[in-house]
């Protein structure tokens, strides 16, 4: 089941919880920061009801290997993800996540 914001109140609540969880693991690679690299890699990942990460892959590159790898590492570090509430149907879920890296 592909999770899309706005589809359902339960999905929106879960995506908010997921976003908060993932934000705790987001890290801007020091080397990329030093090199002035910015970008937004987009990752697609699949997970089960218990939050176990089943698959993660890069959909769109940021054009910087360090940032692309950091986006995938974020998912591995954040696993397990929050459990999916009973109110949501399905056994596995897919979500597309843009991970923005912008220097201030």
PDB file of N, CA and C in Angstrom:
ATOM      1  N   UNK A   1       0.845  -1.172   0.000  1.00  0.00           N
ATOM      2  CA  UNK A   1       0.000   0.000   0.000  1.00  0.00           C
ATOM      3  C   UNK A   1       0.894   1.241   0.000  1.00  0.00           C
ATOM      4  N   UNK A   2       0.702   2.104  -0.971  1.00  0.00           N
ATOM      5  CA  UNK A   2       1.450   3.363  -1.052  1.00  0.00           C
ATOM      6  C   UNK A   2       0.799   4.371  -0.130  1.00  0.00           C
ATOM      7  N   UNK A   3       1.588   4.951   0.758  1.00  0.00           N
ATOM      8  CA  UNK A   3       1.067   5.955   1.687  1.00  0.00           C
ATOM      9  C   UNK A   3       1.165   7.333   1.040  1.00  0.00           C
ATOM     10  N   UNK A   4       0.031   8.039   1.021  1.00  0.00           N
ATOM     11  CA  UNK A   4      -0.019   9.373   0.438  1.00  0.00           C
ATOM     12  C   UNK A   4      -0.738  10.292   1.423  1.00  0.00           C
ATOM     13  N   UNK A   5      -0.110  11.409   1.747  1.00  0.00           N
ATOM     14  CA  UNK A   5      -0.718  12.374   2.665  1.00  0.00           C
ATOM     15  C   UNK A   5      -2.030  12.878   2.076  1.00  0.00           C
ATOM     16  N   UNK A   6      -3.031  13.025   2.937  1.00  0.00           N
ATOM     17  CA  UNK A   6      -4.322  13.528   2.503  1.00  0.00           C
ATOM     18  C   UNK A   6      -5.300  12.440   2.105  1.00  0.00           C
ATOM     19  N   UNK A   7      -4.834  11.191   2.031  1.00  0.00           N
ATOM     20  CA  UNK A   7      -5.719  10.089   1.639  1.00  0.00           C
ATOM     21  C   UNK A   7      -6.721   9.750   2.734  1.00  0.00           C
ATOM     22  N   UNK A   8      -6.266   9.871   3.991  1.00  0.00           N
ATOM     23  CA  UNK A   8      -7.067   9.367   5.098  1.00  0.00           C
ATOM     24  C   UNK A   8      -6.498   9.977   6.382  1.00  0.00           C
ATOM     25  N   UNK A   9      -7.356  10.229   7.355  1.00  0.00           N
ATOM     26  CA  UNK A   9      -6.904  10.847   8.604  1.00  0.00           C
ATOM     27  C   UNK A   9      -5.906   9.955   9.345  1.00  0.00           C
ATOM     28  N   UNK A  10      -6.161   8.653   9.376  1.00  0.00           N
ATOM     29  CA  UNK A  10      -5.245   7.730  10.056  1.00  0.00           C
ATOM     30  C   UNK A  10      -3.879   7.735   9.374  1.00  0.00           C
ATOM     31  N   UNK A  11      -3.871   7.775   8.045  1.00  0.00           N
ATOM     32  CA  UNK A  11      -2.611   7.813   7.297  1.00  0.00           C
ATOM     33  C   UNK A  11      -1.874   9.114   7.614  1.00  0.00           C
ATOM     34  N   UNK A  12      -2.598  10.235   7.622  1.00  0.00           N
ATOM     35  CA  UNK A  12      -1.967  11.525   7.922  1.00  0.00           C
ATOM     36  C   UNK A  12      -1.354  11.528   9.318  1.00  0.00           C
ATOM     37  N   UNK A  13      -2.053  10.969  10.285  1.00  0.00           N
ATOM     38  CA  UNK A  13      -1.528  10.918  11.649  1.00  0.00           C
ATOM     39  C   UNK A  13      -0.272  10.051  11.703  1.00  0.00           C
ATOM     40  N   UNK A  14      -0.325   8.913  11.015  1.00  0.00           N
ATOM     41  CA  UNK A  14       0.836   8.032  11.003  1.00  0.00           C
ATOM     42  C   UNK A  14       2.016   8.716  10.312  1.00  0.00           C
ATOM     43  N   UNK A  15       1.775   9.382   9.191  1.00  0.00           N
ATOM     44  CA  UNK A  15       2.864  10.039   8.470  1.00  0.00           C
ATOM     45  C   UNK A  15       3.498  11.147   9.319  1.00  0.00           C
ATOM     46  N   UNK A  16       2.701  11.821  10.138  1.00  0.00           N
ATOM     47  CA  UNK A  16       3.243  12.822  11.054  1.00  0.00           C
ATOM     48  C   UNK A  16       4.175  12.181  12.068  1.00  0.00           C
ATOM     49  N   UNK A  17       3.739  11.052  12.597  1.00  0.00           N
ATOM     50  CA  UNK A  17       4.558  10.302  13.563  1.00  0.00           C
ATOM     51  C   UNK A  17       5.837   9.795  12.886  1.00  0.00           C
ATOM     52  N   UNK A  18       5.701   9.291  11.660  1.00  0.00           N
ATOM     53  CA  UNK A  18       6.853   8.791  10.908  1.00  0.00           C
ATOM     54  C   UNK A  18       7.842   9.923  10.624  1.00  0.00           C
ATOM     55  N   UNK A  19       7.339  11.075  10.216  1.00  0.00           N
ATOM     56  CA  UNK A  19       8.203  12.223   9.909  1.00  0.00           C
ATOM     57  C   UNK A  19       8.991  12.648  11.148  1.00  0.00           C
ATOM     58  N   UNK A  20       8.325  12.693  12.298  1.00  0.00           N
ATOM     59  CA  UNK A  20       9.006  13.066  13.552  1.00  0.00           C
ATOM     60  C   UNK A  20      10.098  12.050  13.898  1.00  0.00           C
ATOM     61  N   UNK A  21       9.774  10.783  13.714  1.00  0.00           N
ATOM     62  CA  UNK A  21      10.730   9.715  13.998  1.00  0.00           C
ATOM     63  C   UNK A  21      11.956   9.839  13.087  1.00  0.00           C
ATOM     64  N   UNK A  22      11.732  10.007  11.790  1.00  0.00           N
ATOM     65  CA  UNK A  22      12.832  10.076  10.836  1.00  0.00           C
ATOM     66  C   UNK A  22      13.693  11.318  11.061  1.00  0.00           C
ATOM     67  N   UNK A  23      13.073  12.425  11.452  1.00  0.00           N
ATOM     68  CA  UNK A  23      13.807  13.679  11.658  1.00  0.00           C
ATOM     69  C   UNK A  23      14.899  13.522  12.720  1.00  0.00           C
ATOM     70  N   UNK A  24      14.671  12.657  13.685  1.00  0.00           N
ATOM     71  CA  UNK A  24      15.670  12.442  14.741  1.00  0.00           C
ATOM     72  C   UNK A  24      16.948  11.781  14.205  1.00  0.00           C
ATOM     73  N   UNK A  25      16.859  11.149  13.058  1.00  0.00           N
ATOM     74  CA  UNK A  25      17.998  10.419  12.502  1.00  0.00           C
ATOM     75  C   UNK A  25      18.644  11.125  11.311  1.00  0.00           C
ATOM     76  N   UNK A  26      18.079  12.230  10.900  1.00  0.00           N
ATOM     77  CA  UNK A  26      18.590  12.961   9.740  1.00  0.00           C
ATOM     78  C   UNK A  26      19.871  13.675  10.126  1.00  0.00           C
ATOM     79  N   UNK A  27      20.926  13.446   9.342  1.00  0.00           N
ATOM     80  CA  UNK A  27      22.214  14.041   9.632  1.00  0.00           C
ATOM     81  C   UNK A  27      22.823  14.563   8.335  1.00  0.00           C
ATOM     82  N   UNK A  28      23.314  15.780   8.370  1.00  0.00           N
ATOM     83  CA  UNK A  28      23.982  16.358   7.200  1.00  0.00           C
ATOM     84  C   UNK A  28      25.438  15.902   7.256  1.00  0.00           C
ATOM     85  N   UNK A  29      25.897  15.135   6.286  1.00  0.00           N
ATOM     86  CA  UNK A  29      27.275  14.649   6.339  1.00  0.00           C
ATOM     87  C   UNK A  29      28.278  15.811   6.423  1.00  0.00           C
ATOM     88  N   UNK A  30      29.213  15.723   7.369  1.00  0.00           N
ATOM     89  CA  UNK A  30      30.189  16.806   7.553  1.00  0.00           C
ATOM     90  C   UNK A  30      30.963  17.100   6.282  1.00  0.00           C
ATOM     91  N   UNK A  31      31.367  16.044   5.608  1.00  0.00           N
ATOM     92  CA  UNK A  31      32.168  16.237   4.390  1.00  0.00           C
ATOM     93  C   UNK A  31      31.354  16.945   3.308  1.00  0.00           C
ATOM     94  N   UNK A  32      30.091  16.593   3.161  1.00  0.00           N
ATOM     95  CA  UNK A  32      29.223  17.252   2.174  1.00  0.00           C
ATOM     96  C   UNK A  32      29.038  18.722   2.541  1.00  0.00           C
ATOM     97  N   UNK A  33      28.896  18.984   3.827  1.00  0.00           N
ATOM     98  CA  UNK A  33      28.758  20.369   4.301  1.00  0.00           C
ATOM     99  C   UNK A  33      30.025  21.163   3.960  1.00  0.00           C
ATOM    100  N   UNK A  34      31.194  20.562   4.255  1.00  0.00           N
ATOM    101  CA  UNK A  34      32.469  21.230   3.963  1.00  0.00           C
ATOM    102  C   UNK A  34      32.629  21.511   2.468  1.00  0.00           C
ATOM    103  N   UNK A  35      32.141  20.590   1.640  1.00  0.00           N
ATOM    104  CA  UNK A  35      32.256  20.750   0.189  1.00  0.00           C
ATOM    105  C   UNK A  35      31.161  21.644  -0.396  1.00  0.00           C
ATOM    106  N   UNK A  36      30.258  22.116   0.463  1.00  0.00           N
ATOM    107  CA  UNK A  36      29.184  23.001   0.003  1.00  0.00           C
ATOM    108  C   UNK A  36      28.114  22.274  -0.800  1.00  0.00           C
ATOM    109  N   UNK A  37      27.961  20.986  -0.577  1.00  0.00           N
ATOM    110  CA  UNK A  37      26.989  20.203  -1.342  1.00  0.00           C
ATOM    111  C   UNK A  37      25.579  20.378  -0.770  1.00  0.00           C
ATOM    112  N   UNK A  38      24.646  20.622  -1.668  1.00  0.00           N
ATOM    113  CA  UNK A  38      23.230  20.716  -1.323  1.00  0.00           C
ATOM    114  C   UNK A  38      22.451  19.854  -2.304  1.00  0.00           C
ATOM    115  N   UNK A  39      21.273  19.429  -1.887  1.00  0.00           N
ATOM    116  CA  UNK A  39      20.434  18.654  -2.794  1.00  0.00           C
ATOM    117  C   UNK A  39      19.318  17.960  -2.041  1.00  0.00           C
ATOM    118  N   UNK A  40      18.457  17.317  -2.817  1.00  0.00           N
ATOM    119  CA  UNK A  40      17.325  16.608  -2.244  1.00  0.00           C
ATOM    120  C   UNK A  40      17.196  15.232  -2.878  1.00  0.00           C
ATOM    121  N   UNK A  41      17.901  14.256  -2.320  1.00  0.00           N
ATOM    122  CA  UNK A  41      17.688  12.895  -2.808  1.00  0.00           C
ATOM    123  C   UNK A  41      16.285  12.429  -2.418  1.00  0.00           C
ATOM    124  N   UNK A  42      15.690  11.614  -3.263  1.00  0.00           N
ATOM    125  CA  UNK A  42      14.363  11.062  -2.978  1.00  0.00           C
ATOM    126  C   UNK A  42      14.513   9.552  -2.844  1.00  0.00           C
ATOM    127  N   UNK A  43      14.083   9.041  -1.682  1.00  0.00           N
ATOM    128  CA  UNK A  43      14.166   7.606  -1.437  1.00  0.00           C
ATOM    129  C   UNK A  43      12.758   7.013  -1.379  1.00  0.00           C
ATOM    130  N   UNK A  44      12.654   5.767  -1.813  1.00  0.00           N
ATOM    131  CA  UNK A  44      11.406   5.002  -1.700  1.00  0.00           C
ATOM    132  C   UNK A  44      11.720   3.848  -0.763  1.00  0.00           C
ATOM    133  N   UNK A  45      10.861   3.648   0.212  1.00  0.00           N
ATOM    134  CA  UNK A  45      11.102   2.533   1.122  1.00  0.00           C
ATOM    135  C   UNK A  45       9.814   1.808   1.438  1.00  0.00           C
ATOM    136  N   UNK A  46       9.982   0.531   1.750  1.00  0.00           N
ATOM    137  CA  UNK A  46       8.858  -0.343   2.087  1.00  0.00           C
ATOM    138  C   UNK A  46       9.104  -0.904   3.480  1.00  0.00           C
ATOM    139  N   UNK A  47       8.032  -0.995   4.260  1.00  0.00           N
ATOM    140  CA  UNK A  47       8.136  -1.506   5.618  1.00  0.00           C
ATOM    141  C   UNK A  47       6.868  -2.268   5.969  1.00  0.00           C
ATOM    142  N   UNK A  48       6.974  -3.125   6.982  1.00  0.00           N
ATOM    143  CA  UNK A  48       5.807  -3.917   7.382  1.00  0.00           C
ATOM    144  C   UNK A  48       5.082  -3.251   8.549  1.00  0.00           C
ATOM    145  N   UNK A  49       4.011  -3.880   8.996  1.00  0.00           N
ATOM    146  CA  UNK A  49       3.167  -3.315  10.058  1.00  0.00           C
ATOM    147  C   UNK A  49       3.943  -3.059  11.355  1.00  0.00           C
ATOM    148  N   UNK A  50       4.977  -3.883  11.598  1.00  0.00           N
ATOM    149  CA  UNK A  50       5.767  -3.741  12.820  1.00  0.00           C
ATOM    150  C   UNK A  50       6.849  -2.673  12.704  1.00  0.00           C
ATOM    151  N   UNK A  51       6.970  -2.060  11.534  1.00  0.00           N
ATOM    152  CA  UNK A  51       7.982  -1.024  11.328  1.00  0.00           C
ATOM    153  C   UNK A  51       9.308  -1.551  10.810  1.00  0.00           C
ATOM    154  N   UNK A  52       9.353  -2.839  10.468  1.00  0.00           N
ATOM    155  CA  UNK A  52      10.591  -3.415   9.930  1.00  0.00           C
ATOM    156  C   UNK A  52      10.805  -2.918   8.499  1.00  0.00           C
ATOM    157  N   UNK A  53      11.977  -2.372   8.248  1.00  0.00           N
ATOM    158  CA  UNK A  53      12.332  -1.888   6.916  1.00  0.00           C
ATOM    159  C   UNK A  53      12.569  -3.090   6.006  1.00  0.00           C
ATOM    160  N   UNK A  54      11.796  -3.194   4.924  1.00  0.00           N
ATOM    161  CA  UNK A  54      11.911  -4.321   4.001  1.00  0.00           C
ATOM    162  C   UNK A  54      12.806  -3.987   2.814  1.00  0.00           C
ATOM    163  N   UNK A  55      12.738  -2.727   2.376  1.00  0.00           N
ATOM    164  CA  UNK A  55      13.521  -2.312   1.208  1.00  0.00           C
ATOM    165  C   UNK A  55      13.657  -0.798   1.238  1.00  0.00           C
ATOM    166  N   UNK A  56      14.788  -0.327   0.766  1.00  0.00           N
ATOM    167  CA  UNK A  56      15.006   1.115   0.621  1.00  0.00           C
ATOM    168  C   UNK A  56      15.881   1.322  -0.605  1.00  0.00           C
ATOM    169  N   UNK A  57      15.483   2.253  -1.452  1.00  0.00           N
ATOM    170  CA  UNK A  57      16.290   2.532  -2.643  1.00  0.00           C
ATOM    171  C   UNK A  57      16.178   4.010  -3.010  1.00  0.00           C
ATOM    172  N   UNK A  58      17.144   4.455  -3.748  1.00  0.00           N
ATOM    173  CA  UNK A  58      17.178   5.832  -4.218  1.00  0.00           C
ATOM    174  C   UNK A  58      16.316   5.947  -5.466  1.00  0.00           C
ATOM    175  N   UNK A  59      15.328   6.840  -5.458  1.00  0.00           N
ATOM    176  CA  UNK A  59      14.525   7.069  -6.658  1.00  0.00           C
ATOM    177  C   UNK A  59      15.133   8.170  -7.507  1.00  0.00           C
ATOM    178  N   UNK A  60      15.511   9.271  -6.848  1.00  0.00           N
ATOM    179  CA  UNK A  60      16.116  10.408  -7.551  1.00  0.00           C
ATOM    180  C   UNK A  60      17.372  10.838  -6.802  1.00  0.00           C
ATOM    181  N   UNK A  61      18.440  10.991  -7.524  1.00  0.00           N
ATOM    182  CA  UNK A  61      19.707  11.392  -6.929  1.00  0.00           C
ATOM    183  C   UNK A  61      19.740  12.899  -6.677  1.00  0.00           C
ATOM    184  N   UNK A  62      20.524  13.280  -5.701  1.00  0.00           N
ATOM    185  CA  UNK A  62      20.760  14.700  -5.414  1.00  0.00           C
ATOM    186  C   UNK A  62      21.901  15.229  -6.279  1.00  0.00           C
ATOM    187  N   UNK A  63      22.540  14.336  -7.017  1.00  0.00           N
ATOM    188  CA  UNK A  63      23.754  14.598  -7.802  1.00  0.00           C
ATOM    189  C   UNK A  63      25.007  14.604  -6.932  1.00  0.00           C
ATOM    190  N   UNK A  64      24.841  14.238  -5.653  1.00  0.00           N
ATOM    191  CA  UNK A  64      25.981  14.151  -4.744  1.00  0.00           C
ATOM    192  C   UNK A  64      25.910  12.813  -4.009  1.00  0.00           C
ATOM    193  N   UNK A  65      26.910  11.974  -4.233  1.00  0.00           N
ATOM    194  CA  UNK A  65      26.942  10.640  -3.628  1.00  0.00           C
ATOM    195  C   UNK A  65      26.814  10.682  -2.112  1.00  0.00           C
ATOM    196  N   UNK A  66      27.499  11.631  -1.473  1.00  0.00           N
ATOM    197  CA  UNK A  66      27.456  11.727  -0.008  1.00  0.00           C
ATOM    198  C   UNK A  66      26.032  11.961   0.503  1.00  0.00           C
ATOM    199  N   UNK A  67      25.279  12.808  -0.174  1.00  0.00           N
ATOM    200  CA  UNK A  67      23.906  13.103   0.247  1.00  0.00           C
ATOM    201  C   UNK A  67      22.981  11.924  -0.041  1.00  0.00           C
ATOM    202  N   UNK A  68      23.165  11.299  -1.198  1.00  0.00           N
ATOM    203  CA  UNK A  68      22.345  10.130  -1.540  1.00  0.00           C
ATOM    204  C   UNK A  68      22.550   9.017  -0.512  1.00  0.00           C
ATOM    205  N   UNK A  69      23.800   8.760  -0.158  1.00  0.00           N
ATOM    206  CA  UNK A  69      24.103   7.713   0.824  1.00  0.00           C
ATOM    207  C   UNK A  69      23.561   8.074   2.210  1.00  0.00           C
ATOM    208  N   UNK A  70      23.624   9.359   2.559  1.00  0.00           N
ATOM    209  CA  UNK A  70      23.116   9.796   3.864  1.00  0.00           C
ATOM    210  C   UNK A  70      21.603   9.586   3.960  1.00  0.00           C
ATOM    211  N   UNK A  71      20.885   9.802   2.865  1.00  0.00           N
ATOM    212  CA  UNK A  71      19.430   9.616   2.868  1.00  0.00           C
ATOM    213  C   UNK A  71      19.072   8.146   3.086  1.00  0.00           C
ATOM    214  N   UNK A  72      19.817   7.242   2.469  1.00  0.00           N
ATOM    215  CA  UNK A  72      19.574   5.808   2.666  1.00  0.00           C
ATOM    216  C   UNK A  72      20.003   5.369   4.063  1.00  0.00           C
ATOM    217  N   UNK A  73      21.092   5.939   4.545  1.00  0.00           N
ATOM    218  CA  UNK A  73      21.570   5.603   5.886  1.00  0.00           C
ATOM    219  C   UNK A  73      20.558   6.057   6.949  1.00  0.00           C
ATOM    220  N   UNK A  74      19.911   7.177   6.705  1.00  0.00           N
ATOM    221  CA  UNK A  74      18.880   7.679   7.622  1.00  0.00           C
ATOM    222  C   UNK A  74      17.823   6.600   7.860  1.00  0.00           C
ATOM    223  N   UNK A  75      17.388   5.934   6.798  1.00  0.00           N
ATOM    224  CA  UNK A  75      16.362   4.896   6.932  1.00  0.00           C
ATOM    225  C   UNK A  75      16.879   3.694   7.709  1.00  0.00           C
ATOM    226  N   UNK A  76      18.105   3.289   7.419  1.00  0.00           N
ATOM    227  CA  UNK A  76      18.678   2.148   8.152  1.00  0.00           C
ATOM    228  C   UNK A  76      18.825   2.478   9.639  1.00  0.00           C
ATOM    229  N   UNK A  77      19.291   3.683   9.937  1.00  0.00           N
ATOM    230  CA  UNK A  77      19.478   4.091  11.328  1.00  0.00           C
ATOM    231  C   UNK A  77      18.149   4.215  12.073  1.00  0.00           C
ATOM    232  N   UNK A  78      17.103   4.636  11.362  1.00  0.00           N
ATOM    233  CA  UNK A  78      15.793   4.883  11.982  1.00  0.00           C
ATOM    234  C   UNK A  78      14.968   3.608  12.147  1.00  0.00           C
ATOM    235  N   UNK A  79      15.456   2.512  11.593  1.00  0.00           N
ATOM    236  CA  UNK A  79      14.730   1.251  11.672  1.00  0.00           C
ATOM    237  C   UNK A  79      14.950   0.597  13.025  1.00  0.00           C
ATOM    238  N   UNK A  80      13.932   0.076  13.675  1.00  0.00           N
ATOM    239  CA  UNK A  80      12.567  -0.055  13.160  1.00  0.00           C
ATOM    240  C   UNK A  80      11.805   1.271  13.204  1.00  0.00           C
ATOM    241  N   UNK A  81      10.914   1.399  12.260  1.00  0.00           N
ATOM    242  CA  UNK A  81      10.052   2.572  12.164  1.00  0.00           C
ATOM    243  C   UNK A  81       8.881   2.399  13.127  1.00  0.00           C
ATOM    244  N   UNK A  82       8.111   3.462  13.368  1.00  0.00           N
ATOM    245  CA  UNK A  82       6.941   3.316  14.248  1.00  0.00           C
ATOM    246  C   UNK A  82       5.976   2.256  13.714  1.00  0.00           C
ATOM    247  N   UNK A  83       5.376   1.509  14.626  1.00  0.00           N
ATOM    248  CA  UNK A  83       4.396   0.492  14.221  1.00  0.00           C
ATOM    249  C   UNK A  83       3.191   1.161  13.581  1.00  0.00           C
ATOM    250  N   UNK A  84       2.615   0.465  12.624  1.00  0.00           N
ATOM    251  CA  UNK A  84       1.436   0.968  11.916  1.00  0.00           C
ATOM    252  C   UNK A  84       0.198   0.683  12.767  1.00  0.00           C
ATOM    253  N   UNK A  85      -0.664   1.697  12.965  1.00  0.00           N
ATOM    254  CA  UNK A  85      -1.851   1.480  13.805  1.00  0.00           C
ATOM    255  C   UNK A  85      -2.847   0.515  13.162  1.00  0.00           C
ATOM    256  N   UNK A  86      -3.633  -0.144  14.009  1.00  0.00           N
ATOM    257  CA  UNK A  86      -4.640  -1.107  13.543  1.00  0.00           C
ATOM    258  C   UNK A  86      -5.638  -0.482  12.565  1.00  0.00           C
ATOM    259  N   UNK A  87      -5.871   0.826  12.696  1.00  0.00           N
ATOM    260  CA  UNK A  87      -6.866   1.492  11.846  1.00  0.00           C
ATOM    261  C   UNK A  87      -6.437   1.570  10.378  1.00  0.00           C
ATOM    262  N   UNK A  88      -5.165   1.272  10.101  1.00  0.00           N
ATOM    263  CA  UNK A  88      -4.671   1.274   8.722  1.00  0.00           C
ATOM    264  C   UNK A  88      -4.601  -0.168   8.223  1.00  0.00           C
ATOM    265  N   UNK A  89      -5.174  -0.397   7.045  1.00  0.00           N
ATOM    266  CA  UNK A  89      -5.168  -1.745   6.490  1.00  0.00           C
ATOM    267  C   UNK A  89      -3.923  -1.972   5.639  1.00  0.00           C
ATOM    268  N   UNK A  90      -3.567  -3.234   5.480  1.00  0.00           N
ATOM    269  CA  UNK A  90      -2.420  -3.601   4.655  1.00  0.00           C
ATOM    270  C   UNK A  90      -1.356  -4.289   5.491  1.00  0.00           C
ATOM    271  N   UNK A  91      -0.504  -5.046   4.806  1.00  0.00           N
ATOM    272  CA  UNK A  91       0.577  -5.762   5.482  1.00  0.00           C
ATOM    273  C   UNK A  91       1.926  -5.089   5.273  1.00  0.00           C
ATOM    274  N   UNK A  92       2.092  -4.427   4.138  1.00  0.00           N
ATOM    275  CA  UNK A  92       3.326  -3.676   3.901  1.00  0.00           C
ATOM    276  C   UNK A  92       2.958  -2.336   3.282  1.00  0.00           C
ATOM    277  N   UNK A  93       3.840  -1.378   3.484  1.00  0.00           N
ATOM    278  CA  UNK A  93       3.555  -0.005   3.102  1.00  0.00           C
ATOM    279  C   UNK A  93       4.765   0.579   2.393  1.00  0.00           C
ATOM    280  N   UNK A  94       4.507   1.413   1.397  1.00  0.00           N
ATOM    281  CA  UNK A  94       5.567   2.055   0.629  1.00  0.00           C
ATOM    282  C   UNK A  94       5.402   3.559   0.771  1.00  0.00           C
ATOM    283  N   UNK A  95       6.524   4.230   0.949  1.00  0.00           N
ATOM    284  CA  UNK A  95       6.479   5.681   1.089  1.00  0.00           C
ATOM    285  C   UNK A  95       7.642   6.295   0.327  1.00  0.00           C
ATOM    286  N   UNK A  96       7.386   7.411  -0.328  1.00  0.00           N
ATOM    287  CA  UNK A  96       8.406   8.156  -1.061  1.00  0.00           C
ATOM    288  C   UNK A  96       8.763   9.382  -0.237  1.00  0.00           C
ATOM    289  N   UNK A  97      10.045   9.532   0.060  1.00  0.00           N
ATOM    290  CA  UNK A  97      10.497  10.598   0.955  1.00  0.00           C
ATOM    291  C   UNK A  97      11.601  11.441   0.323  1.00  0.00           C
ATOM    292  N   UNK A  98      11.329  12.739   0.111  1.00  0.00           N
ATOM    293  CA  UNK A  98      12.424  13.631  -0.286  1.00  0.00           C
ATOM    294  C   UNK A  98      13.181  14.047   0.975  1.00  0.00           C
ATOM    295  N   UNK A  99      14.503  13.969   0.928  1.00  0.00           N
ATOM    296  CA  UNK A  99      15.332  14.331   2.089  1.00  0.00           C
ATOM    297  C   UNK A  99      16.177  15.549   1.678  1.00  0.00           C
ATOM    298  N   UNK A 100      15.752  16.711   2.134  1.00  0.00           N
ATOM    299  CA  UNK A 100      16.428  17.952   1.731  1.00  0.00           C
ATOM    300  C   UNK A 100      17.660  18.245   2.557  1.00  0.00           C
ATOM    301  N   UNK A 101      18.748  18.558   1.863  1.00  0.00           N
ATOM    302  CA  UNK A 101      19.983  18.994   2.500  1.00  0.00           C
ATOM    303  C   UNK A 101      20.303  20.373   1.933  1.00  0.00           C
ATOM    304  N   UNK A 102      20.154  21.396   2.763  1.00  0.00           N
ATOM    305  CA  UNK A 102      20.389  22.762   2.326  1.00  0.00           C
ATOM    306  C   UNK A 102      21.246  23.471   3.368  1.00  0.00           C
ATOM    307  N   UNK A 103      22.324  24.080   2.905  1.00  0.00           N
ATOM    308  CA  UNK A 103      23.194  24.851   3.803  1.00  0.00           C
ATOM    309  C   UNK A 103      22.531  26.180   4.111  1.00  0.00           C
ATOM    310  N   UNK A 104      22.751  26.654   5.333  1.00  0.00           N
ATOM    311  CA  UNK A 104      22.124  27.932   5.697  1.00  0.00           C
ATOM    312  C   UNK A 104      23.109  29.054   5.596  1.00  0.00           C
TER     313      UNK A 104
END
